[in-house]
Protein backbone atom coordinates (compact mmCIF):
# COMPACT_ATOMS: atom_id res chain seq x y z
CA UNK A 1 21.89 -57.85 24.49
CA UNK A 2 18.75 -58.90 26.34
CA UNK A 3 16.58 -61.78 25.47
CA UNK A 4 13.76 -59.51 24.65
CA UNK A 5 15.95 -57.59 22.12
CA UNK A 6 17.04 -60.85 20.57
CA UNK A 7 13.39 -61.99 20.24
CA UNK A 8 12.44 -58.72 18.59
CA UNK A 9 15.39 -58.91 16.07
CA UNK A 10 14.55 -62.49 15.36
CA UNK A 11 10.90 -61.63 14.73
CA UNK A 12 12.02 -58.83 12.39
CA UNK A 13 14.35 -61.24 10.53
CA UNK A 14 11.65 -63.86 10.32
CA UNK A 15 8.96 -61.36 9.11
CA UNK A 16 11.33 -59.64 6.72
CA UNK A 17 10.99 -56.19 8.30
CA UNK A 18 14.79 -55.64 8.75
CA UNK A 19 15.57 -56.15 5.15
CA UNK A 20 12.34 -54.65 3.83
CA UNK A 21 13.83 -51.19 3.91
CA UNK A 22 16.90 -52.29 2.03
CA UNK A 23 14.73 -54.09 -0.60
CA UNK A 24 12.58 -50.94 -0.97
CA UNK A 25 15.76 -48.80 -1.33
CA UNK A 26 17.21 -51.16 -3.95
CA UNK A 27 13.90 -51.25 -5.84
CA UNK A 28 13.51 -47.48 -5.87
CA UNK A 29 17.19 -47.01 -7.09
CA UNK A 30 16.69 -49.63 -9.72
CA UNK A 31 13.47 -47.89 -10.99
CA UNK A 32 15.41 -44.65 -11.16
CA UNK A 33 18.30 -46.09 -12.94
CA UNK A 34 15.96 -47.86 -15.47
CA UNK A 35 14.01 -44.62 -16.09
CA UNK A 36 17.30 -42.73 -16.54
CA UNK A 37 18.56 -45.35 -18.94
CA UNK A 38 15.30 -45.23 -20.91
CA UNK A 39 15.43 -41.42 -21.11
CA UNK A 40 19.02 -41.56 -22.36
CA UNK A 41 18.29 -44.34 -24.84
CA UNK A 42 15.33 -42.28 -26.12
CA UNK A 43 17.54 -39.24 -26.58
CA UNK A 44 20.15 -41.27 -28.52
CA UNK A 45 17.50 -42.86 -30.71
CA UNK A 46 15.85 -39.49 -31.25
CA UNK A 47 19.19 -37.98 -32.36
CA UNK A 48 19.86 -41.00 -34.59
CA UNK A 49 16.48 -40.78 -36.18
CA UNK A 50 16.93 -36.99 -36.80
CA UNK A 51 20.27 -37.68 -38.50
CA UNK A 52 18.78 -40.45 -40.61
CA UNK A 53 15.87 -38.17 -41.64
CA UNK A 54 18.38 -35.36 -42.46
CA UNK A 55 20.58 -37.67 -44.59
CA UNK A 56 17.50 -38.89 -46.49
CA UNK A 57 16.30 -35.24 -47.10
CA UNK A 58 19.71 -34.33 -48.27
CA UNK A 59 20.02 -37.35 -50.53
CA UNK A 60 16.63 -36.94 -52.11
CA UNK A 61 16.92 -33.07 -52.50
CA UNK A 62 20.23 -33.59 -54.41
CA UNK A 63 18.59 -36.16 -56.65
CA UNK A 64 15.46 -34.11 -57.14
CA UNK A 65 17.04 -30.67 -57.43
CA UNK A 66 18.36 -31.05 -61.02
CA UNK A 67 14.93 -32.56 -62.11
CA UNK A 68 13.11 -29.61 -60.38
CA UNK A 69 15.49 -27.20 -61.90
CA UNK A 70 14.95 -28.69 -65.39
CA UNK A 71 11.19 -28.59 -64.76
CA UNK A 72 11.39 -24.92 -63.86
CA UNK A 73 13.59 -24.26 -66.91
CA UNK A 74 11.13 -26.01 -69.18
CA UNK A 75 8.06 -24.19 -67.76
CA UNK A 76 9.96 -20.92 -68.00
CA UNK A 77 10.96 -21.68 -71.62
CA UNK A 78 7.37 -22.68 -72.45
CA UNK A 79 6.09 -19.38 -71.01
CA UNK A 80 8.63 -17.35 -73.05
CA UNK A 81 7.81 -19.20 -76.21
CA UNK A 82 4.05 -18.73 -75.58
CA UNK A 83 4.56 -15.01 -75.15
CA UNK A 84 6.71 -14.90 -78.26
CA UNK A 85 4.05 -16.76 -80.25
CA UNK A 86 1.39 -14.43 -78.98
CA UNK A 87 3.45 -11.36 -79.98
CA UNK A 88 4.09 -12.87 -83.40
CA UNK A 89 0.41 -13.63 -83.88
CA UNK A 90 -0.40 -9.98 -83.08
CA UNK A 91 2.27 -8.75 -85.56
CA UNK A 92 0.91 -11.16 -88.19
CA UNK A 93 -2.54 -9.86 -87.69
CA UNK A 94 -1.25 -6.21 -88.12
CA UNK A 95 0.71 -7.19 -91.17
CA UNK A 96 -2.33 -9.00 -92.58
CA UNK A 97 -4.53 -6.04 -92.01
CA UNK A 98 -1.98 -3.67 -93.64
CA UNK A 99 -1.72 -5.97 -96.68
CA UNK A 100 -5.51 -6.16 -96.95
CA UNK A 101 -5.96 -2.41 -96.63
CA UNK A 102 -3.27 -1.79 -99.25
CA UNK A 103 -4.96 -4.12 -101.73
CA UNK A 104 -8.34 -2.57 -101.07
CA UNK A 105 -6.90 0.98 -101.71
CA UNK A 106 -5.46 0.05 -105.06
């Protein structure tokens, strides 16, 4: 190796040019690995949060379902009773009218 080549190599070593490419490559690879790790971590946390949300939904729907069913049954019963009362009022009015007319005719 000539003295000129040695001087060039020593200058590169002193200025950090020789190892600069290695440092850039390491930095780029580390950034890629970190980005990949973050992406995988986000995927795992997203699946975990989805599972938690689903479990909460299942737990609350089981607890609320009987209450909702009871509310629906009560509302349905209330509607049926209201219709029956209305029908009975109509029948009562008819019977009253018939009784009144029979008294008037006598």
